[in-house]
Amino acid sequence: MTKYAARDLAIEINGSPAVQLTSFDQVGSSRSLIDATAFGDTWADYVTGIQDGDEVNFTFAYDPVDGAHQDFIDAYNDAAGTVQIFTITHDTAGLDVDVSAVITALRRGGNLGDLLQMSGTLKIVEPGVVDNAS
């Protein structure tokens, strides 16, 4: 079984590479369960319900003049809540997905002795994580 280092992960917003990324959570979704248990059942019974996208935390070593970092800020400040497409690739592993999401949180700053950082949260929305054809 082959294992891949996550350090080769690349993220783009609006076609611009998001450089100096220091952490990016896994992307996906989950489905709620609807209790379909009836009288006389000896086990709980469920059917799948509505799909809900994950919340994805990210952190950058922040560069205020970097265009992609500014794209994240602009997307967060978009009062209309326009859905953004984030492309996630890992060339060695063959990963290539588009993630539809809105930025729901954005923070900038840093601790004494640390790098200046920008962090935030994406909320994945429909159509979610879509594999791109190879």
C-alpha atoms as a PDB file:
ATOM      1  CA  MET A   1       0.000   0.000   0.000  1.00  0.00           C
ATOM      2  CA  THR A   2       1.373   3.386  -1.002  1.00  0.00           C
ATOM      3  CA  LYS A   3       1.300   6.297   1.423  1.00  0.00           C
ATOM      4  CA  TYR A   4       1.575   9.942   0.420  1.00  0.00           C
ATOM      5  CA  ALA A   5       2.866  12.952   2.321  1.00  0.00           C
ATOM      6  CA  ALA A   6       0.171  15.590   2.742  1.00  0.00           C
ATOM      7  CA  ARG A   7       2.774  18.314   2.225  1.00  0.00           C
ATOM      8  CA  ASP A   8       2.257  17.912  -1.539  1.00  0.00           C
ATOM      9  CA  LEU A   9      -1.390  18.998  -1.259  1.00  0.00           C
ATOM     10  CA  ALA A  10      -2.219  22.081  -3.330  1.00  0.00           C
ATOM     11  CA  ILE A  11      -5.266  24.342  -2.962  1.00  0.00           C
ATOM     12  CA  GLU A  12      -6.536  26.887  -5.482  1.00  0.00           C
ATOM     13  CA  ILE A  13      -9.224  29.554  -5.173  1.00  0.00           C
ATOM     14  CA  ASN A  14     -10.403  31.243  -8.360  1.00  0.00           C
ATOM     15  CA  GLY A  15      -7.566  29.500 -10.203  1.00  0.00           C
ATOM     16  CA  SER A  16      -4.897  31.072  -7.960  1.00  0.00           C
ATOM     17  CA  PRO A  17      -2.641  28.751  -5.955  1.00  0.00           C
ATOM     18  CA  ALA A  18      -3.063  29.296  -2.213  1.00  0.00           C
ATOM     19  CA  VAL A  19       0.579  29.331  -1.149  1.00  0.00           C
ATOM     20  CA  GLN A  20       2.069  29.040   2.331  1.00  0.00           C
ATOM     21  CA  LEU A  21      -0.741  26.773   3.493  1.00  0.00           C
ATOM     22  CA  THR A  22       0.221  25.179   6.816  1.00  0.00           C
ATOM     23  CA  SER A  23      -2.934  23.146   7.533  1.00  0.00           C
ATOM     24  CA  PHE A  24      -6.097  22.155   5.718  1.00  0.00           C
ATOM     25  CA  ASP A  25      -8.645  19.692   7.120  1.00  0.00           C
ATOM     26  CA  GLN A  26     -10.050  16.800   5.146  1.00  0.00           C
ATOM     27  CA  VAL A  27     -13.050  17.599   2.936  1.00  0.00           C
ATOM     28  CA  GLY A  28     -16.282  15.637   2.702  1.00  0.00           C
ATOM     29  CA  SER A  29     -19.817  15.340   3.943  1.00  0.00           C
ATOM     30  CA  SER A  30     -22.086  13.218   6.077  1.00  0.00           C
ATOM     31  CA  ARG A  31     -25.704  12.127   5.865  1.00  0.00           C
ATOM     32  CA  SER A  32     -28.178  12.438   8.684  1.00  0.00           C
ATOM     33  CA  LEU A  33     -30.086   9.374   9.765  1.00  0.00           C
ATOM     34  CA  ILE A  34     -33.848   9.212  10.011  1.00  0.00           C
ATOM     35  CA  ASP A  35     -35.186   6.816  12.618  1.00  0.00           C
ATOM     36  CA  ALA A  36     -37.472   4.366  10.814  1.00  0.00           C
ATOM     37  CA  THR A  37     -37.935   1.994  13.738  1.00  0.00           C
ATOM     38  CA  ALA A  38     -41.452   0.562  14.030  1.00  0.00           C
ATOM     39  CA  PHE A  39     -43.325  -1.194  16.806  1.00  0.00           C
ATOM     40  CA  GLY A  40     -42.294  -4.830  16.920  1.00  0.00           C
ATOM     41  CA  ASP A  41     -38.755  -4.226  15.594  1.00  0.00           C
ATOM     42  CA  THR A  42     -36.011  -5.777  17.689  1.00  0.00           C
ATOM     43  CA  TRP A  43     -33.340  -3.441  16.278  1.00  0.00           C
ATOM     44  CA  ALA A  44     -33.402   0.265  15.530  1.00  0.00           C
ATOM     45  CA  ASP A  45     -33.949   0.878  11.817  1.00  0.00           C
ATOM     46  CA  TYR A  46     -32.683   3.900   9.896  1.00  0.00           C
ATOM     47  CA  VAL A  47     -32.783   5.406   6.430  1.00  0.00           C
ATOM     48  CA  THR A  48     -30.363   8.033   5.195  1.00  0.00           C
ATOM     49  CA  GLY A  49     -31.489  11.625   5.190  1.00  0.00           C
ATOM     50  CA  ILE A  50     -30.146  14.941   4.012  1.00  0.00           C
ATOM     51  CA  GLN A  51     -26.470  15.290   3.132  1.00  0.00           C
ATOM     52  CA  ASP A  52     -24.520  18.012   4.943  1.00  0.00           C
ATOM     53  CA  GLY A  53     -21.060  19.306   4.019  1.00  0.00           C
ATOM     54  CA  ASP A  54     -18.194  19.337   6.481  1.00  0.00           C
ATOM     55  CA  GLU A  55     -16.698  22.429   8.053  1.00  0.00           C
ATOM     56  CA  VAL A  56     -13.052  22.624   7.009  1.00  0.00           C
ATOM     57  CA  ASN A  57     -10.459  24.571   9.001  1.00  0.00           C
ATOM     58  CA  PHE A  58      -7.419  26.053   7.268  1.00  0.00           C
ATOM     59  CA  THR A  59      -4.339  28.048   8.232  1.00  0.00           C
ATOM     60  CA  PHE A  60      -1.851  30.010   6.145  1.00  0.00           C
ATOM     61  CA  ALA A  61       1.448  31.665   6.905  1.00  0.00           C
ATOM     62  CA  TYR A  62      -0.236  34.940   5.963  1.00  0.00           C
ATOM     63  CA  ASP A  63       1.205  37.263   3.335  1.00  0.00           C
ATOM     64  CA  PRO A  64      -1.009  40.381   3.022  1.00  0.00           C
ATOM     65  CA  VAL A  65       0.148  41.018  -0.566  1.00  0.00           C
ATOM     66  CA  ASP A  66      -0.456  37.461  -1.837  1.00  0.00           C
ATOM     67  CA  GLY A  67      -3.289  37.426  -4.385  1.00  0.00           C
ATOM     68  CA  ALA A  68      -4.783  34.087  -3.306  1.00  0.00           C
ATOM     69  CA  HIS A  69      -4.752  35.168   0.354  1.00  0.00           C
ATOM     70  CA  GLN A  70      -6.656  38.278  -0.731  1.00  0.00           C
ATOM     71  CA  ASP A  71      -9.100  36.036  -2.644  1.00  0.00           C
ATOM     72  CA  PHE A  72      -9.896  34.249   0.646  1.00  0.00           C
ATOM     73  CA  ILE A  73     -10.500  37.617   2.337  1.00  0.00           C
ATOM     74  CA  ASP A  74     -12.666  38.857  -0.553  1.00  0.00           C
ATOM     75  CA  ALA A  75     -14.693  35.623  -0.507  1.00  0.00           C
ATOM     76  CA  TYR A  76     -15.274  35.999   3.235  1.00  0.00           C
ATOM     77  CA  ASN A  77     -16.297  39.661   2.859  1.00  0.00           C
ATOM     78  CA  ASP A  78     -18.734  38.857   0.030  1.00  0.00           C
ATOM     79  CA  ALA A  79     -22.053  39.824   1.633  1.00  0.00           C
ATOM     80  CA  ALA A  80     -23.951  37.749  -0.944  1.00  0.00           C
ATOM     81  CA  GLY A  81     -22.249  34.582   0.315  1.00  0.00           C
ATOM     82  CA  THR A  82     -21.220  33.549  -3.186  1.00  0.00           C
ATOM     83  CA  VAL A  83     -20.200  29.905  -3.346  1.00  0.00           C
ATOM     84  CA  GLN A  84     -16.511  29.564  -4.153  1.00  0.00           C
ATOM     85  CA  ILE A  85     -14.862  26.649  -5.931  1.00  0.00           C
ATOM     86  CA  PHE A  86     -11.697  25.416  -4.223  1.00  0.00           C
ATOM     87  CA  THR A  87      -9.615  22.975  -6.272  1.00  0.00           C
ATOM     88  CA  ILE A  88      -7.603  20.490  -4.232  1.00  0.00           C
ATOM     89  CA  THR A  89      -4.891  18.467  -5.922  1.00  0.00           C
ATOM     90  CA  HIS A  90      -2.164  16.056  -4.963  1.00  0.00           C
ATOM     91  CA  ASP A  91      -0.387  15.187  -8.205  1.00  0.00           C
ATOM     92  CA  THR A  92       1.533  12.183  -6.924  1.00  0.00           C
ATOM     93  CA  ALA A  93      -1.574  10.558  -5.440  1.00  0.00           C
ATOM     94  CA  GLY A  94      -3.805  11.525  -8.381  1.00  0.00           C
ATOM     95  CA  LEU A  95      -6.178  13.542  -6.185  1.00  0.00           C
ATOM     96  CA  ASP A  96      -8.078  16.247  -8.086  1.00  0.00           C
ATOM     97  CA  VAL A  97     -11.359  17.514  -6.610  1.00  0.00           C
ATOM     98  CA  ASP A  98     -13.426  20.678  -6.702  1.00  0.00           C
ATOM     99  CA  VAL A  99     -15.012  21.726  -3.427  1.00  0.00           C
ATOM    100  CA  SER A 100     -18.006  24.101  -3.365  1.00  0.00           C
ATOM    101  CA  ALA A 101     -17.911  26.115  -0.161  1.00  0.00           C
ATOM    102  CA  VAL A 102     -18.452  29.440   1.541  1.00  0.00           C
ATOM    103  CA  ILE A 103     -15.988  30.927   4.001  1.00  0.00           C
ATOM    104  CA  THR A 104     -17.783  31.255   7.337  1.00  0.00           C
ATOM    105  CA  ALA A 105     -14.907  32.409   9.537  1.00  0.00           C
ATOM    106  CA  LEU A 106     -11.673  34.318   8.944  1.00  0.00           C
ATOM    107  CA  ARG A 107      -9.017  35.362  11.444  1.00  0.00           C
ATOM    108  CA  ARG A 108      -5.647  37.098  11.064  1.00  0.00           C
ATOM    109  CA  GLY A 109      -2.877  37.611  13.582  1.00  0.00           C
ATOM    110  CA  GLY A 110      -0.207  35.725  15.429  1.00  0.00           C
ATOM    111  CA  ASN A 111       1.499  35.144  18.717  1.00  0.00           C
ATOM    112  CA  LEU A 112       4.786  36.736  19.734  1.00  0.00           C
ATOM    113  CA  GLY A 113       7.549  34.652  18.207  1.00  0.00           C
ATOM    114  CA  ASP A 114       5.259  32.954  15.652  1.00  0.00           C
ATOM    115  CA  LEU A 115       4.493  33.562  12.007  1.00  0.00           C
ATOM    116  CA  LEU A 116       1.757  35.964  11.001  1.00  0.00           C
ATOM    117  CA  GLN A 117      -1.212  33.700  10.252  1.00  0.00           C
ATOM    118  CA  MET A 118      -4.573  33.736   8.558  1.00  0.00           C
ATOM    119  CA  SER A 119      -6.994  30.986   9.500  1.00  0.00           C
ATOM    120  CA  GLY A 120     -10.613  30.301   8.897  1.00  0.00           C
ATOM    121  CA  THR A 121     -13.378  27.850   8.181  1.00  0.00           C
ATOM    122  CA  LEU A 122     -15.053  26.716   4.968  1.00  0.00           C
ATOM    123  CA  LYS A 123     -18.572  25.270   4.985  1.00  0.00           C
ATOM    124  CA  ILE A 124     -19.008  22.792   2.152  1.00  0.00           C
ATOM    125  CA  VAL A 125     -22.286  23.284   0.270  1.00  0.00           C
ATOM    126  CA  GLU A 126     -24.058  21.610  -2.655  1.00  0.00           C
ATOM    127  CA  PRO A 127     -22.736  20.018  -4.863  1.00  0.00           C
ATOM    128  CA  GLY A 128     -19.994  19.384  -2.297  1.00  0.00           C
ATOM    129  CA  VAL A 129     -16.803  17.534  -3.206  1.00  0.00           C
ATOM    130  CA  VAL A 130     -16.697  16.596  -6.891  1.00  0.00           C
ATOM    131  CA  ASP A 131     -14.005  14.384  -8.386  1.00  0.00           C
ATOM    132  CA  ASN A 132     -12.536  15.817 -11.575  1.00  0.00           C
ATOM    133  CA  ALA A 133     -12.179  13.388 -14.477  1.00  0.00           C
ATOM    134  CA  SER A 134      -8.611  12.269 -15.109  1.00  0.00           C
END
